[in-house]
């Protein structure tokens, strides 16, 4: 992992999802967020309602942005859903800036969770 660029690390992230989840070669960010959210929720593969899917995406975003100081884990509710407190409001970002931030956050998640080979 040493001396690798963000671009090279992102390719490894994409390869991880292709190998482990049979996604497209270049999975959409929302697909990656959903799978990370399911992992964080610990609920595994099942049918989810539209509201569940939105909650799962929110869980992923909060978890991914936690190391950047935007959110802090608060507690689990009675249904086992993690809750986060907002520590700092996200700045207004253009769509491409949002994508860059999420890619950096996903790479950091992979580093923190030791998912890179």
PDB file of N, CA and C in Angstrom:
ATOM      1  N   UNK A   1       0.818  -1.185   0.000  1.00  0.00           N
ATOM      2  CA  UNK A   1       0.000   0.000   0.000  1.00  0.00           C
ATOM      3  C   UNK A   1       0.867   1.256   0.000  1.00  0.00           C
ATOM      4  N   UNK A   2       2.079   1.124   0.470  1.00  0.00           N
ATOM      5  CA  UNK A   2       2.972   2.277   0.504  1.00  0.00           C
ATOM      6  C   UNK A   2       3.242   2.790  -0.899  1.00  0.00           C
ATOM      7  N   UNK A   3       3.308   4.102  -1.020  1.00  0.00           N
ATOM      8  CA  UNK A   3       3.644   4.773  -2.271  1.00  0.00           C
ATOM      9  C   UNK A   3       2.626   4.560  -3.380  1.00  0.00           C
ATOM     10  N   UNK A   4       1.427   4.148  -3.051  1.00  0.00           N
ATOM     11  CA  UNK A   4       0.387   4.009  -4.068  1.00  0.00           C
ATOM     12  C   UNK A   4      -0.421   5.302  -4.121  1.00  0.00           C
ATOM     13  N   UNK A   5      -0.825   5.663  -5.317  1.00  0.00           N
ATOM     14  CA  UNK A   5      -1.651   6.855  -5.481  1.00  0.00           C
ATOM     15  C   UNK A   5      -3.095   6.533  -5.118  1.00  0.00           C
ATOM     16  N   UNK A   6      -3.886   7.587  -4.903  1.00  0.00           N
ATOM     17  CA  UNK A   6      -5.312   7.379  -4.647  1.00  0.00           C
ATOM     18  C   UNK A   6      -5.958   6.632  -5.806  1.00  0.00           C
ATOM     19  N   UNK A   7      -5.521   6.926  -7.012  1.00  0.00           N
ATOM     20  CA  UNK A   7      -6.072   6.260  -8.197  1.00  0.00           C
ATOM     21  C   UNK A   7      -5.790   4.757  -8.159  1.00  0.00           C
ATOM     22  N   UNK A   8      -4.579   4.388  -7.778  1.00  0.00           N
ATOM     23  CA  UNK A   8      -4.225   2.966  -7.680  1.00  0.00           C
ATOM     24  C   UNK A   8      -5.011   2.288  -6.555  1.00  0.00           C
ATOM     25  N   UNK A   9      -5.147   2.985  -5.433  1.00  0.00           N
ATOM     26  CA  UNK A   9      -5.914   2.429  -4.319  1.00  0.00           C
ATOM     27  C   UNK A   9      -7.381   2.271  -4.706  1.00  0.00           C
ATOM     28  N   UNK A  10      -7.906   3.239  -5.465  1.00  0.00           N
ATOM     29  CA  UNK A  10      -9.303   3.140  -5.897  1.00  0.00           C
ATOM     30  C   UNK A  10      -9.504   1.930  -6.803  1.00  0.00           C
ATOM     31  N   UNK A  11      -8.546   1.663  -7.659  1.00  0.00           N
ATOM     32  CA  UNK A  11      -8.628   0.470  -8.513  1.00  0.00           C
ATOM     33  C   UNK A  11      -8.697  -0.790  -7.658  1.00  0.00           C
ATOM     34  N   UNK A  12      -7.964  -0.807  -6.550  1.00  0.00           N
ATOM     35  CA  UNK A  12      -8.004  -1.958  -5.645  1.00  0.00           C
ATOM     36  C   UNK A  12      -9.362  -2.064  -4.949  1.00  0.00           C
ATOM     37  N   UNK A  13      -9.943  -0.917  -4.602  1.00  0.00           N
ATOM     38  CA  UNK A  13     -11.290  -0.915  -4.010  1.00  0.00           C
ATOM     39  C   UNK A  13     -12.280  -1.524  -4.998  1.00  0.00           C
ATOM     40  N   UNK A  14     -12.237  -1.051  -6.242  1.00  0.00           N
ATOM     41  CA  UNK A  14     -13.146  -1.583  -7.261  1.00  0.00           C
ATOM     42  C   UNK A  14     -12.938  -3.084  -7.450  1.00  0.00           C
ATOM     43  N   UNK A  15     -11.690  -3.513  -7.486  1.00  0.00           N
ATOM     44  CA  UNK A  15     -11.387  -4.939  -7.656  1.00  0.00           C
ATOM     45  C   UNK A  15     -11.949  -5.755  -6.490  1.00  0.00           C
ATOM     46  N   UNK A  16     -11.873  -5.215  -5.278  1.00  0.00           N
ATOM     47  CA  UNK A  16     -12.413  -5.887  -4.099  1.00  0.00           C
ATOM     48  C   UNK A  16     -13.905  -6.172  -4.282  1.00  0.00           C
ATOM     49  N   UNK A  17     -14.650  -5.175  -4.752  1.00  0.00           N
ATOM     50  CA  UNK A  17     -16.096  -5.354  -4.910  1.00  0.00           C
ATOM     51  C   UNK A  17     -16.437  -6.272  -6.076  1.00  0.00           C
ATOM     52  N   UNK A  18     -15.644  -6.225  -7.132  1.00  0.00           N
ATOM     53  CA  UNK A  18     -15.853  -7.142  -8.256  1.00  0.00           C
ATOM     54  C   UNK A  18     -15.631  -8.580  -7.792  1.00  0.00           C
ATOM     55  N   UNK A  19     -14.540  -8.812  -7.055  1.00  0.00           N
ATOM     56  CA  UNK A  19     -14.184 -10.165  -6.608  1.00  0.00           C
ATOM     57  C   UNK A  19     -15.135 -10.697  -5.540  1.00  0.00           C
ATOM     58  N   UNK A  20     -15.535  -9.841  -4.598  1.00  0.00           N
ATOM     59  CA  UNK A  20     -16.300 -10.310  -3.447  1.00  0.00           C
ATOM     60  C   UNK A  20     -17.812 -10.161  -3.577  1.00  0.00           C
ATOM     61  N   UNK A  21     -18.252  -9.273  -4.455  1.00  0.00           N
ATOM     62  CA  UNK A  21     -19.689  -9.018  -4.561  1.00  0.00           C
ATOM     63  C   UNK A  21     -20.201  -9.097  -5.989  1.00  0.00           C
ATOM     64  N   UNK A  22     -19.341  -9.502  -6.916  1.00  0.00           N
ATOM     65  CA  UNK A  22     -19.733  -9.686  -8.312  1.00  0.00           C
ATOM     66  C   UNK A  22     -20.388  -8.429  -8.891  1.00  0.00           C
ATOM     67  N   UNK A  23     -19.829  -7.260  -8.553  1.00  0.00           N
ATOM     68  CA  UNK A  23     -20.342  -6.002  -9.092  1.00  0.00           C
ATOM     69  C   UNK A  23     -19.768  -5.773 -10.486  1.00  0.00           C
ATOM     70  N   UNK A  24     -20.228  -4.706 -11.127  1.00  0.00           N
ATOM     71  CA  UNK A  24     -19.634  -4.292 -12.395  1.00  0.00           C
ATOM     72  C   UNK A  24     -18.163  -3.967 -12.169  1.00  0.00           C
ATOM     73  N   UNK A  25     -17.396  -3.913 -13.253  1.00  0.00           N
ATOM     74  CA  UNK A  25     -15.962  -3.637 -13.149  1.00  0.00           C
ATOM     75  C   UNK A  25     -15.697  -2.307 -12.438  1.00  0.00           C
ATOM     76  N   UNK A  26     -16.512  -1.310 -12.724  1.00  0.00           N
ATOM     77  CA  UNK A  26     -16.395  -0.013 -12.054  1.00  0.00           C
ATOM     78  C   UNK A  26     -17.718   0.267 -11.334  1.00  0.00           C
ATOM     79  N   UNK A  27     -17.889  -0.305 -10.128  1.00  0.00           N
ATOM     80  CA  UNK A  27     -19.164  -0.149  -9.433  1.00  0.00           C
ATOM     81  C   UNK A  27     -19.455   1.319  -9.106  1.00  0.00           C
ATOM     82  N   UNK A  28     -20.727   1.662  -9.131  1.00  0.00           N
ATOM     83  CA  UNK A  28     -21.160   3.005  -8.768  1.00  0.00           C
ATOM     84  C   UNK A  28     -20.857   3.250  -7.288  1.00  0.00           C
ATOM     85  N   UNK A  29     -20.616   4.514  -6.958  1.00  0.00           N
ATOM     86  CA  UNK A  29     -20.363   4.885  -5.559  1.00  0.00           C
ATOM     87  C   UNK A  29     -21.536   4.439  -4.680  1.00  0.00           C
ATOM     88  N   UNK A  30     -22.777   4.624  -5.156  1.00  0.00           N
ATOM     89  CA  UNK A  30     -23.940   4.231  -4.357  1.00  0.00           C
ATOM     90  C   UNK A  30     -23.944   2.737  -4.056  1.00  0.00           C
ATOM     91  N   UNK A  31     -23.490   1.926  -4.994  1.00  0.00           N
ATOM     92  CA  UNK A  31     -23.400   0.479  -4.767  1.00  0.00           C
ATOM     93  C   UNK A  31     -22.398   0.188  -3.660  1.00  0.00           C
ATOM     94  N   UNK A  32     -21.251   0.838  -3.726  1.00  0.00           N
ATOM     95  CA  UNK A  32     -20.217   0.645  -2.701  1.00  0.00           C
ATOM     96  C   UNK A  32     -20.721   1.132  -1.348  1.00  0.00           C
ATOM     97  N   UNK A  33     -21.369   2.299  -1.328  1.00  0.00           N
ATOM     98  CA  UNK A  33     -21.912   2.827  -0.071  1.00  0.00           C
ATOM     99  C   UNK A  33     -22.937   1.866   0.520  1.00  0.00           C
ATOM    100  N   UNK A  34     -23.805   1.331  -0.325  1.00  0.00           N
ATOM    101  CA  UNK A  34     -24.822   0.401   0.160  1.00  0.00           C
ATOM    102  C   UNK A  34     -24.172  -0.827   0.794  1.00  0.00           C
ATOM    103  N   UNK A  35     -23.186  -1.393   0.123  1.00  0.00           N
ATOM    104  CA  UNK A  35     -22.528  -2.596   0.649  1.00  0.00           C
ATOM    105  C   UNK A  35     -21.768  -2.302   1.936  1.00  0.00           C
ATOM    106  N   UNK A  36     -21.143  -1.133   2.032  1.00  0.00           N
ATOM    107  CA  UNK A  36     -20.472  -0.749   3.281  1.00  0.00           C
ATOM    108  C   UNK A  36     -21.515  -0.556   4.383  1.00  0.00           C
ATOM    109  N   UNK A  37     -22.639   0.076   4.054  1.00  0.00           N
ATOM    110  CA  UNK A  37     -23.703   0.267   5.039  1.00  0.00           C
ATOM    111  C   UNK A  37     -24.258  -1.046   5.561  1.00  0.00           C
ATOM    112  N   UNK A  38     -24.462  -2.007   4.664  1.00  0.00           N
ATOM    113  CA  UNK A  38     -24.931  -3.336   5.078  1.00  0.00           C
ATOM    114  C   UNK A  38     -23.898  -3.978   6.003  1.00  0.00           C
ATOM    115  N   UNK A  39     -22.622  -3.843   5.665  1.00  0.00           N
ATOM    116  CA  UNK A  39     -21.546  -4.388   6.504  1.00  0.00           C
ATOM    117  C   UNK A  39     -21.573  -3.746   7.893  1.00  0.00           C
ATOM    118  N   UNK A  40     -21.713  -2.432   7.936  1.00  0.00           N
ATOM    119  CA  UNK A  40     -21.732  -1.722   9.220  1.00  0.00           C
ATOM    120  C   UNK A  40     -22.967  -2.080  10.037  1.00  0.00           C
ATOM    121  N   UNK A  41     -24.082  -2.309   9.352  1.00  0.00           N
ATOM    122  CA  UNK A  41     -25.314  -2.692  10.035  1.00  0.00           C
ATOM    123  C   UNK A  41     -25.240  -4.139  10.506  1.00  0.00           C
ATOM    124  N   UNK A  42     -24.471  -4.954   9.778  1.00  0.00           N
ATOM    125  CA  UNK A  42     -24.317  -6.355  10.146  1.00  0.00           C
ATOM    126  C   UNK A  42     -25.542  -7.194   9.827  1.00  0.00           C
ATOM    127  N   UNK A  43     -26.336  -6.744   8.857  1.00  0.00           N
ATOM    128  CA  UNK A  43     -27.598  -7.427   8.581  1.00  0.00           C
ATOM    129  C   UNK A  43     -27.517  -8.447   7.452  1.00  0.00           C
ATOM    130  N   UNK A  44     -26.460  -8.416   6.677  1.00  0.00           N
ATOM    131  CA  UNK A  44     -26.300  -9.394   5.611  1.00  0.00           C
ATOM    132  C   UNK A  44     -27.280  -9.211   4.470  1.00  0.00           C
ATOM    133  N   UNK A  45     -27.281 -10.205   3.587  1.00  0.00           N
ATOM    134  CA  UNK A  45     -28.114 -10.136   2.387  1.00  0.00           C
ATOM    135  C   UNK A  45     -29.561 -10.454   2.738  1.00  0.00           C
ATOM    136  N   UNK A  46     -30.456  -9.549   2.383  1.00  0.00           N
ATOM    137  CA  UNK A  46     -31.886  -9.728   2.587  1.00  0.00           C
ATOM    138  C   UNK A  46     -32.626  -8.693   1.748  1.00  0.00           C
ATOM    139  N   UNK A  47     -33.945  -8.756   1.777  1.00  0.00           N
ATOM    140  CA  UNK A  47     -34.761  -7.761   1.078  1.00  0.00           C
ATOM    141  C   UNK A  47     -34.849  -6.515   1.962  1.00  0.00           C
ATOM    142  N   UNK A  48     -34.635  -5.358   1.354  1.00  0.00           N
ATOM    143  CA  UNK A  48     -34.726  -4.099   2.084  1.00  0.00           C
ATOM    144  C   UNK A  48     -35.786  -3.216   1.440  1.00  0.00           C
ATOM    145  N   UNK A  49     -36.510  -2.481   2.276  1.00  0.00           N
ATOM    146  CA  UNK A  49     -37.465  -1.508   1.755  1.00  0.00           C
ATOM    147  C   UNK A  49     -36.688  -0.299   1.240  1.00  0.00           C
ATOM    148  N   UNK A  50     -37.394   0.571   0.543  1.00  0.00           N
ATOM    149  CA  UNK A  50     -36.752   1.792   0.041  1.00  0.00           C
ATOM    150  C   UNK A  50     -36.206   2.619   1.210  1.00  0.00           C
ATOM    151  N   UNK A  51     -36.992   2.732   2.297  1.00  0.00           N
ATOM    152  CA  UNK A  51     -36.531   3.472   3.478  1.00  0.00           C
ATOM    153  C   UNK A  51     -35.305   2.810   4.097  1.00  0.00           C
ATOM    154  N   UNK A  52     -35.313   1.474   4.163  1.00  0.00           N
ATOM    155  CA  UNK A  52     -34.146   0.751   4.685  1.00  0.00           C
ATOM    156  C   UNK A  52     -32.903   1.088   3.870  1.00  0.00           C
ATOM    157  N   UNK A  53     -33.058   1.088   2.550  1.00  0.00           N
ATOM    158  CA  UNK A  53     -31.915   1.362   1.667  1.00  0.00           C
ATOM    159  C   UNK A  53     -31.369   2.763   1.903  1.00  0.00           C
ATOM    160  N   UNK A  54     -32.255   3.736   2.068  1.00  0.00           N
ATOM    161  CA  UNK A  54     -31.805   5.106   2.352  1.00  0.00           C
ATOM    162  C   UNK A  54     -31.089   5.172   3.699  1.00  0.00           C
ATOM    163  N   UNK A  55     -31.630   4.473   4.700  1.00  0.00           N
ATOM    164  CA  UNK A  55     -30.981   4.439   6.016  1.00  0.00           C
ATOM    165  C   UNK A  55     -29.609   3.781   5.935  1.00  0.00           C
ATOM    166  N   UNK A  56     -29.501   2.729   5.142  1.00  0.00           N
ATOM    167  CA  UNK A  56     -28.226   2.025   4.982  1.00  0.00           C
ATOM    168  C   UNK A  56     -27.197   2.930   4.311  1.00  0.00           C
ATOM    169  N   UNK A  57     -27.615   3.684   3.302  1.00  0.00           N
ATOM    170  CA  UNK A  57     -26.702   4.642   2.663  1.00  0.00           C
ATOM    171  C   UNK A  57     -26.262   5.705   3.666  1.00  0.00           C
ATOM    172  N   UNK A  58     -27.202   6.175   4.495  1.00  0.00           N
ATOM    173  CA  UNK A  58     -26.872   7.186   5.510  1.00  0.00           C
ATOM    174  C   UNK A  58     -25.866   6.633   6.526  1.00  0.00           C
ATOM    175  N   UNK A  59     -26.061   5.394   6.938  1.00  0.00           N
ATOM    176  CA  UNK A  59     -25.119   4.748   7.863  1.00  0.00           C
ATOM    177  C   UNK A  59     -23.723   4.731   7.255  1.00  0.00           C
ATOM    178  N   UNK A  60     -23.638   4.351   5.990  1.00  0.00           N
ATOM    179  CA  UNK A  60     -22.333   4.284   5.319  1.00  0.00           C
ATOM    180  C   UNK A  60     -21.676   5.653   5.253  1.00  0.00           C
ATOM    181  N   UNK A  61     -22.437   6.661   4.860  1.00  0.00           N
ATOM    182  CA  UNK A  61     -21.872   8.010   4.742  1.00  0.00           C
ATOM    183  C   UNK A  61     -21.368   8.495   6.101  1.00  0.00           C
ATOM    184  N   UNK A  62     -22.168   8.311   7.140  1.00  0.00           N
ATOM    185  CA  UNK A  62     -21.745   8.740   8.482  1.00  0.00           C
ATOM    186  C   UNK A  62     -20.487   8.000   8.918  1.00  0.00           C
ATOM    187  N   UNK A  63     -20.475   6.692   8.721  1.00  0.00           N
ATOM    188  CA  UNK A  63     -19.307   5.885   9.118  1.00  0.00           C
ATOM    189  C   UNK A  63     -18.065   6.296   8.340  1.00  0.00           C
ATOM    190  N   UNK A  64     -18.228   6.541   7.039  1.00  0.00           N
ATOM    191  CA  UNK A  64     -17.088   6.901   6.199  1.00  0.00           C
ATOM    192  C   UNK A  64     -16.553   8.288   6.520  1.00  0.00           C
ATOM    193  N   UNK A  65     -17.425   9.196   6.911  1.00  0.00           N
ATOM    194  CA  UNK A  65     -16.984  10.568   7.183  1.00  0.00           C
ATOM    195  C   UNK A  65     -16.613  10.788   8.647  1.00  0.00           C
ATOM    196  N   UNK A  66     -16.800   9.764   9.474  1.00  0.00           N
ATOM    197  CA  UNK A  66     -16.427   9.858  10.890  1.00  0.00           C
ATOM    198  C   UNK A  66     -14.941  10.174  11.074  1.00  0.00           C
ATOM    199  N   UNK A  67     -14.014   9.492  10.374  1.00  0.00           N
ATOM    200  CA  UNK A  67     -12.588   9.810  10.562  1.00  0.00           C
ATOM    201  C   UNK A  67     -12.208  11.226  10.110  1.00  0.00           C
ATOM    202  N   UNK A  68     -13.070  11.851   9.316  1.00  0.00           N
ATOM    203  CA  UNK A  68     -12.806  13.202   8.823  1.00  0.00           C
ATOM    204  C   UNK A  68     -13.390  14.269   9.751  1.00  0.00           C
ATOM    205  N   UNK A  69     -14.014  13.834  10.860  1.00  0.00           N
ATOM    206  CA  UNK A  69     -14.514  14.768  11.860  1.00  0.00           C
ATOM    207  C   UNK A  69     -15.909  15.312  11.618  1.00  0.00           C
ATOM    208  N   UNK A  70     -16.640  14.739  10.676  1.00  0.00           N
ATOM    209  CA  UNK A  70     -17.989  15.230  10.394  1.00  0.00           C
ATOM    210  C   UNK A  70     -19.044  14.565  11.271  1.00  0.00           C
ATOM    211  N   UNK A  71     -18.829  13.324  11.644  1.00  0.00           N
ATOM    212  CA  UNK A  71     -19.784  12.572  12.453  1.00  0.00           C
ATOM    213  C   UNK A  71     -19.046  11.812  13.543  1.00  0.00           C
ATOM    214  N   UNK A  72     -19.812  11.480  14.607  1.00  0.00           N
ATOM    215  CA  UNK A  72     -19.274  10.637  15.677  1.00  0.00           C
ATOM    216  C   UNK A  72     -20.353   9.620  16.039  1.00  0.00           C
ATOM    217  N   UNK A  73     -19.932   8.364  16.145  1.00  0.00           N
ATOM    218  CA  UNK A  73     -20.880   7.317  16.541  1.00  0.00           C
ATOM    219  C   UNK A  73     -21.482   7.675  17.891  1.00  0.00           C
ATOM    220  N   UNK A  74     -22.804   7.506  18.007  1.00  0.00           N
ATOM    221  CA  UNK A  74     -23.510   7.823  19.239  1.00  0.00           C
ATOM    222  C   UNK A  74     -23.961   6.554  19.963  1.00  0.00           C
ATOM    223  N   UNK A  75     -24.777   5.749  19.281  1.00  0.00           N
ATOM    224  CA  UNK A  75     -25.342   4.562  19.925  1.00  0.00           C
ATOM    225  C   UNK A  75     -26.046   3.695  18.886  1.00  0.00           C
ATOM    226  N   UNK A  76     -26.434   2.512  19.324  1.00  0.00           N
ATOM    227  CA  UNK A  76     -27.300   1.638  18.528  1.00  0.00           C
ATOM    228  C   UNK A  76     -28.717   1.752  19.086  1.00  0.00           C
ATOM    229  N   UNK A  77     -29.702   1.820  18.193  1.00  0.00           N
ATOM    230  CA  UNK A  77     -31.084   1.851  18.666  1.00  0.00           C
ATOM    231  C   UNK A  77     -31.575   0.424  18.923  1.00  0.00           C
ATOM    232  N   UNK A  78     -32.832   0.300  19.331  1.00  0.00           N
ATOM    233  CA  UNK A  78     -33.392  -1.015  19.681  1.00  0.00           C
ATOM    234  C   UNK A  78     -33.443  -1.971  18.492  1.00  0.00           C
ATOM    235  N   UNK A  79     -33.441  -1.426  17.266  1.00  0.00           N
ATOM    236  CA  UNK A  79     -33.452  -2.260  16.063  1.00  0.00           C
ATOM    237  C   UNK A  79     -32.049  -2.604  15.582  1.00  0.00           C
ATOM    238  N   UNK A  80     -31.027  -2.145  16.313  1.00  0.00           N
ATOM    239  CA  UNK A  80     -29.652  -2.452  15.943  1.00  0.00           C
ATOM    240  C   UNK A  80     -29.032  -1.487  14.948  1.00  0.00           C
ATOM    241  N   UNK A  81     -29.735  -0.386  14.658  1.00  0.00           N
ATOM    242  CA  UNK A  81     -29.198   0.601  13.718  1.00  0.00           C
ATOM    243  C   UNK A  81     -28.243   1.545  14.445  1.00  0.00           C
ATOM    244  N   UNK A  82     -27.061   1.762  13.879  1.00  0.00           N
ATOM    245  CA  UNK A  82     -26.141   2.718  14.495  1.00  0.00           C
ATOM    246  C   UNK A  82     -26.614   4.153  14.248  1.00  0.00           C
ATOM    247  N   UNK A  83     -26.401   4.993  15.242  1.00  0.00           N
ATOM    248  CA  UNK A  83     -26.742   6.415  15.118  1.00  0.00           C
ATOM    249  C   UNK A  83     -25.477   7.235  15.314  1.00  0.00           C
ATOM    250  N   UNK A  84     -25.428   8.352  14.625  1.00  0.00           N
ATOM    251  CA  UNK A  84     -24.262   9.222  14.647  1.00  0.00           C
ATOM    252  C   UNK A  84     -24.702  10.645  14.955  1.00  0.00           C
ATOM    253  N   UNK A  85     -23.850  11.369  15.673  1.00  0.00           N
ATOM    254  CA  UNK A  85     -24.062  12.792  15.906  1.00  0.00           C
ATOM    255  C   UNK A  85     -23.255  13.560  14.879  1.00  0.00           C
ATOM    256  N   UNK A  86     -23.857  14.609  14.329  1.00  0.00           N
ATOM    257  CA  UNK A  86     -23.130  15.459  13.392  1.00  0.00           C
ATOM    258  C   UNK A  86     -22.252  16.405  14.199  1.00  0.00           C
ATOM    259  N   UNK A  87     -20.952  16.383  13.933  1.00  0.00           N
ATOM    260  CA  UNK A  87     -20.015  17.249  14.634  1.00  0.00           C
ATOM    261  C   UNK A  87     -19.734  18.523  13.856  1.00  0.00           C
ATOM    262  N   UNK A  88     -19.717  18.388  12.550  1.00  0.00           N
ATOM    263  CA  UNK A  88     -19.422  19.523  11.687  1.00  0.00           C
ATOM    264  C   UNK A  88     -20.237  19.359  10.409  1.00  0.00           C
ATOM    265  N   UNK A  89     -20.864  20.450   9.990  1.00  0.00           N
ATOM    266  CA  UNK A  89     -21.667  20.383   8.764  1.00  0.00           C
ATOM    267  C   UNK A  89     -20.741  20.282   7.562  1.00  0.00           C
ATOM    268  N   UNK A  90     -21.125  19.409   6.637  1.00  0.00           N
ATOM    269  CA  UNK A  90     -20.352  19.280   5.403  1.00  0.00           C
ATOM    270  C   UNK A  90     -20.419  20.582   4.622  1.00  0.00           C
ATOM    271  N   UNK A  91     -19.313  20.993   4.040  1.00  0.00           N
ATOM    272  CA  UNK A  91     -19.352  22.201   3.211  1.00  0.00           C
ATOM    273  C   UNK A  91     -20.140  21.931   1.930  1.00  0.00           C
ATOM    274  N   UNK A  92     -20.600  22.999   1.302  1.00  0.00           N
ATOM    275  CA  UNK A  92     -21.266  22.858  -0.003  1.00  0.00           C
ATOM    276  C   UNK A  92     -20.240  22.334  -0.989  1.00  0.00           C
ATOM    277  N   UNK A  93     -20.542  21.216  -1.609  1.00  0.00           N
ATOM    278  CA  UNK A  93     -19.617  20.605  -2.558  1.00  0.00           C
ATOM    279  C   UNK A  93     -20.308  20.408  -3.897  1.00  0.00           C
ATOM    280  N   UNK A  94     -19.562  20.606  -4.951  1.00  0.00           N
ATOM    281  CA  UNK A  94     -20.061  20.289  -6.284  1.00  0.00           C
ATOM    282  C   UNK A  94     -20.096  18.765  -6.407  1.00  0.00           C
ATOM    283  N   UNK A  95     -20.912  18.232  -7.329  1.00  0.00           N
ATOM    284  CA  UNK A  95     -21.006  16.766  -7.458  1.00  0.00           C
ATOM    285  C   UNK A  95     -19.652  16.071  -7.617  1.00  0.00           C
ATOM    286  N   UNK A  96     -18.752  16.623  -8.414  1.00  0.00           N
ATOM    287  CA  UNK A  96     -17.445  15.966  -8.579  1.00  0.00           C
ATOM    288  C   UNK A  96     -16.629  16.042  -7.292  1.00  0.00           C
ATOM    289  N   UNK A  97     -16.797  17.113  -6.511  1.00  0.00           N
ATOM    290  CA  UNK A  97     -16.094  17.221  -5.227  1.00  0.00           C
ATOM    291  C   UNK A  97     -16.654  16.220  -4.225  1.00  0.00           C
ATOM    292  N   UNK A  98     -17.976  16.003  -4.269  1.00  0.00           N
ATOM    293  CA  UNK A  98     -18.597  14.993  -3.405  1.00  0.00           C
ATOM    294  C   UNK A  98     -18.029  13.614  -3.715  1.00  0.00           C
ATOM    295  N   UNK A  99     -17.907  13.328  -5.002  1.00  0.00           N
ATOM    296  CA  UNK A  99     -17.393  12.022  -5.414  1.00  0.00           C
ATOM    297  C   UNK A  99     -15.945  11.844  -4.960  1.00  0.00           C
ATOM    298  N   UNK A 100     -15.135  12.877  -5.083  1.00  0.00           N
ATOM    299  CA  UNK A 100     -13.740  12.809  -4.645  1.00  0.00           C
ATOM    300  C   UNK A 100     -13.673  12.564  -3.142  1.00  0.00           C
ATOM    301  N   UNK A 101     -14.486  13.296  -2.363  1.00  0.00           N
ATOM    302  CA  UNK A 101     -14.502  13.116  -0.911  1.00  0.00           C
ATOM    303  C   UNK A 101     -14.918  11.695  -0.548  1.00  0.00           C
ATOM    304  N   UNK A 102     -15.965  11.173  -1.198  1.00  0.00           N
ATOM    305  CA  UNK A 102     -16.424   9.827  -0.872  1.00  0.00           C
ATOM    306  C   UNK A 102     -15.386   8.783  -1.264  1.00  0.00           C
ATOM    307  N   UNK A 103     -14.712   8.973  -2.384  1.00  0.00           N
ATOM    308  CA  UNK A 103     -13.660   8.021  -2.768  1.00  0.00           C
ATOM    309  C   UNK A 103     -12.536   8.029  -1.739  1.00  0.00           C
ATOM    310  N   UNK A 104     -12.124   9.223  -1.293  1.00  0.00           N
ATOM    311  CA  UNK A 104     -11.079   9.315  -0.264  1.00  0.00           C
ATOM    312  C   UNK A 104     -11.541   8.633   1.028  1.00  0.00           C
ATOM    313  N   UNK A 105     -12.814   8.845   1.381  1.00  0.00           N
ATOM    314  CA  UNK A 105     -13.357   8.251   2.601  1.00  0.00           C
ATOM    315  C   UNK A 105     -13.426   6.728   2.490  1.00  0.00           C
ATOM    316  N   UNK A 106     -13.790   6.222   1.320  1.00  0.00           N
ATOM    317  CA  UNK A 106     -13.846   4.769   1.113  1.00  0.00           C
ATOM    318  C   UNK A 106     -12.442   4.179   1.173  1.00  0.00           C
ATOM    319  N   UNK A 107     -11.476   4.852   0.572  1.00  0.00           N
ATOM    320  CA  UNK A 107     -10.080   4.395   0.653  1.00  0.00           C
ATOM    321  C   UNK A 107      -9.631   4.367   2.109  1.00  0.00           C
ATOM    322  N   UNK A 108      -9.957   5.412   2.875  1.00  0.00           N
ATOM    323  CA  UNK A 108      -9.585   5.451   4.293  1.00  0.00           C
ATOM    324  C   UNK A 108     -10.252   4.314   5.056  1.00  0.00           C
ATOM    325  N   UNK A 109     -11.503   4.016   4.737  1.00  0.00           N
ATOM    326  CA  UNK A 109     -12.224   2.909   5.366  1.00  0.00           C
ATOM    327  C   UNK A 109     -11.492   1.593   5.103  1.00  0.00           C
ATOM    328  N   UNK A 110     -11.063   1.398   3.864  1.00  0.00           N
ATOM    329  CA  UNK A 110     -10.325   0.182   3.510  1.00  0.00           C
ATOM    330  C   UNK A 110      -9.010   0.102   4.279  1.00  0.00           C
ATOM    331  N   UNK A 111      -8.349   1.231   4.471  1.00  0.00           N
ATOM    332  CA  UNK A 111      -7.106   1.252   5.259  1.00  0.00           C
ATOM    333  C   UNK A 111      -7.422   0.904   6.712  1.00  0.00           C
ATOM    334  N   UNK A 112      -8.416   1.588   7.288  1.00  0.00           N
ATOM    335  CA  UNK A 112      -8.775   1.376   8.697  1.00  0.00           C
ATOM    336  C   UNK A 112      -9.228  -0.054   8.971  1.00  0.00           C
ATOM    337  N   UNK A 113      -9.968  -0.628   8.035  1.00  0.00           N
ATOM    338  CA  UNK A 113     -10.500  -1.985   8.210  1.00  0.00           C
ATOM    339  C   UNK A 113      -9.540  -3.062   7.694  1.00  0.00           C
ATOM    340  N   UNK A 114      -8.369  -2.623   7.233  1.00  0.00           N
ATOM    341  CA  UNK A 114      -7.324  -3.520   6.720  1.00  0.00           C
ATOM    342  C   UNK A 114      -7.860  -4.435   5.615  1.00  0.00           C
ATOM    343  N   UNK A 115      -8.545  -3.832   4.654  1.00  0.00           N
ATOM    344  CA  UNK A 115      -9.138  -4.591   3.553  1.00  0.00           C
ATOM    345  C   UNK A 115      -8.259  -4.640   2.314  1.00  0.00           C
ATOM    346  N   UNK A 116      -7.202  -3.824   2.294  1.00  0.00           N
ATOM    347  CA  UNK A 116      -6.272  -3.894   1.167  1.00  0.00           C
ATOM    348  C   UNK A 116      -5.374  -5.102   1.354  1.00  0.00           C
ATOM    349  N   UNK A 117      -5.061  -5.765   0.231  1.00  0.00           N
ATOM    350  CA  UNK A 117      -4.192  -6.953   0.290  1.00  0.00           C
ATOM    351  C   UNK A 117      -2.752  -6.526   0.394  1.00  0.00           C
TER     352      UNK A 117
END
